[in-house]
Amino acid sequence: MFSIHKTLRKGKPPHLPFLRIKEAVLGKKYDLSLVFIGNTKSKSLNKKYRNRNKSANILSFPFSENDGEIFIDLKEARKNSKNFSREYENFVAFLFIHGLFHLKGFAHGSKMESEEKKVRKKFNI
């Protein structure tokens, strides 16, 4: 199962093949909820779960081996996209892939980067 939720009052999430990307990384049986949030909610979640008092562009929460949730702060993603020399929509896809690999159990490092690169190439990201 895959669901997308939006808690924003303004703005729309970019139109991306989220389901296909999710299935390429986690498979069809993984139950994923993707939530687009604003800075206030992002900061609150980041403070509560990571003890960081600032908003985050993406947060991933695995609940079990086959169930998890990703939160993307679109305002933060738009702001951060320039730092990564990426267009906004491309950067949101980049973040989504990154979050999926965290749900899959990967930690930052060369192995994670290598796996992310394969998926980015497949989806032209």
Protein backbone atom coordinates (compact mmCIF):
# COMPACT_ATOMS: atom_id res chain seq x y z
CA MET A 1 0.00 0.00 0.00
CA PHE A 2 1.12 3.54 -0.71
CA SER A 3 -0.57 6.76 0.35
CA ILE A 4 0.28 10.43 -0.08
CA HIS A 5 -0.96 13.10 2.33
CA LYS A 6 -0.59 16.85 2.30
CA THR A 7 -0.84 18.94 5.46
CA LEU A 8 0.15 22.18 3.71
CA ARG A 9 -2.22 25.09 3.29
CA LYS A 10 -0.29 26.44 0.32
CA GLY A 11 1.54 24.84 -2.53
CA LYS A 12 1.33 21.49 -4.24
CA PRO A 13 3.75 18.60 -4.16
CA PRO A 14 5.51 18.10 -7.49
CA HIS A 15 4.11 15.53 -9.87
CA LEU A 16 6.63 12.69 -9.68
CA PRO A 17 6.42 8.89 -10.11
CA PHE A 18 6.49 8.37 -6.33
CA LEU A 19 4.82 4.96 -6.49
CA ARG A 20 7.20 3.60 -9.13
CA ILE A 21 10.22 4.92 -7.24
CA LYS A 22 8.93 3.44 -3.97
CA GLU A 23 8.40 0.05 -5.60
CA ALA A 24 11.88 0.12 -7.19
CA VAL A 25 13.49 0.59 -3.77
CA LEU A 26 11.18 -1.09 -1.27
CA GLY A 27 9.03 -3.39 -3.39
CA LYS A 28 5.28 -3.61 -3.84
CA LYS A 29 4.51 -5.12 -0.43
CA TYR A 30 6.05 -2.32 1.64
CA ASP A 31 3.35 -0.12 3.24
CA LEU A 32 4.48 3.50 2.90
CA SER A 33 2.88 6.77 3.82
CA LEU A 34 4.37 9.93 2.27
CA VAL A 35 3.40 13.18 3.98
CA PHE A 36 4.16 16.67 2.70
CA ILE A 37 4.52 19.08 5.61
CA GLY A 38 5.50 22.66 6.37
CA ASN A 39 8.34 24.09 8.44
CA THR A 40 6.47 24.11 11.76
CA LYS A 41 5.64 20.41 11.63
CA SER A 42 9.10 19.56 10.29
CA LYS A 43 10.80 21.43 13.12
CA SER A 44 8.51 19.80 15.70
CA LEU A 45 9.20 16.26 14.43
CA ASN A 46 12.93 16.91 14.11
CA LYS A 47 13.07 18.24 17.68
CA LYS A 48 11.03 15.37 19.10
CA TYR A 49 12.73 12.46 17.32
CA ARG A 50 16.22 13.75 16.53
CA ASN A 51 16.70 16.41 19.20
CA ARG A 52 17.49 19.02 16.52
CA ASN A 53 15.75 22.35 16.89
CA LYS A 54 15.40 23.15 13.18
CA SER A 55 13.30 22.02 10.27
CA ALA A 56 14.49 19.11 8.13
CA ASN A 57 13.86 18.70 4.42
CA ILE A 58 13.09 14.99 4.91
CA LEU A 59 12.44 12.65 7.82
CA SER A 60 12.04 8.87 7.53
CA PHE A 61 10.43 6.68 10.16
CA PRO A 62 10.52 2.91 9.80
CA PHE A 63 7.79 1.23 11.85
CA SER A 64 8.63 -2.34 10.91
CA GLU A 65 10.45 -4.26 8.20
CA ASN A 66 7.56 -3.61 5.79
CA ASP A 67 5.99 -0.39 7.05
CA GLY A 68 7.16 3.20 7.33
CA GLU A 69 6.49 6.88 6.81
CA ILE A 70 8.35 9.70 5.10
CA PHE A 71 7.80 13.41 5.75
CA ILE A 72 9.04 15.97 3.23
CA ASP A 73 9.10 19.68 4.04
CA LEU A 74 8.54 21.24 0.61
CA LYS A 75 9.55 24.74 1.68
CA GLU A 76 12.83 23.44 3.10
CA ALA A 77 13.35 21.29 0.00
CA ARG A 78 12.85 24.30 -2.27
CA LYS A 79 15.36 26.29 -0.22
CA ASN A 80 17.92 23.44 -0.11
CA SER A 81 17.67 22.49 -3.79
CA LYS A 82 19.98 25.35 -4.75
CA ASN A 83 22.70 24.03 -2.42
CA PHE A 84 22.65 20.74 -4.36
CA SER A 85 22.54 22.41 -7.80
CA ARG A 86 19.21 20.74 -8.53
CA GLU A 87 15.87 22.00 -9.70
CA TYR A 88 13.18 21.89 -7.01
CA GLU A 89 11.19 18.96 -8.46
CA ASN A 90 14.34 16.94 -9.08
CA PHE A 91 15.52 17.62 -5.52
CA VAL A 92 12.23 16.40 -4.03
CA ALA A 93 12.69 13.13 -5.96
CA PHE A 94 16.32 13.00 -4.78
CA LEU A 95 15.16 13.40 -1.16
CA PHE A 96 12.42 10.80 -1.57
CA ILE A 97 14.93 8.23 -2.82
CA HIS A 98 17.25 9.09 0.07
CA GLY A 99 14.44 8.59 2.58
CA LEU A 100 13.47 5.26 1.01
CA PHE A 101 16.98 3.92 1.52
CA HIS A 102 16.89 4.94 5.17
CA LEU A 103 13.65 2.96 5.49
CA LYS A 104 15.43 0.04 3.89
CA GLY A 105 17.99 0.17 6.70
CA PHE A 106 20.85 2.03 5.05
CA ALA A 107 22.99 4.52 6.94
CA HIS A 108 24.87 7.38 5.28
CA GLY A 109 27.95 6.20 3.45
CA SER A 110 29.34 5.02 0.14
CA LYS A 111 27.11 1.91 -0.06
CA MET A 112 23.96 4.02 0.38
CA GLU A 113 25.18 6.59 -2.15
CA SER A 114 25.96 3.85 -4.68
CA GLU A 115 22.48 2.30 -4.32
CA GLU A 116 20.77 5.69 -4.51
CA LYS A 117 22.71 6.52 -7.66
CA LYS A 118 21.35 3.40 -9.41
CA VAL A 119 17.78 4.42 -8.68
CA ARG A 120 18.38 8.06 -9.62
CA LYS A 121 19.79 6.88 -12.94
CA LYS A 122 16.79 4.63 -13.57
CA PHE A 123 14.40 7.55 -13.04
CA ASN A 124 16.57 10.28 -14.59
CA ILE A 125 17.02 12.13 -11.30
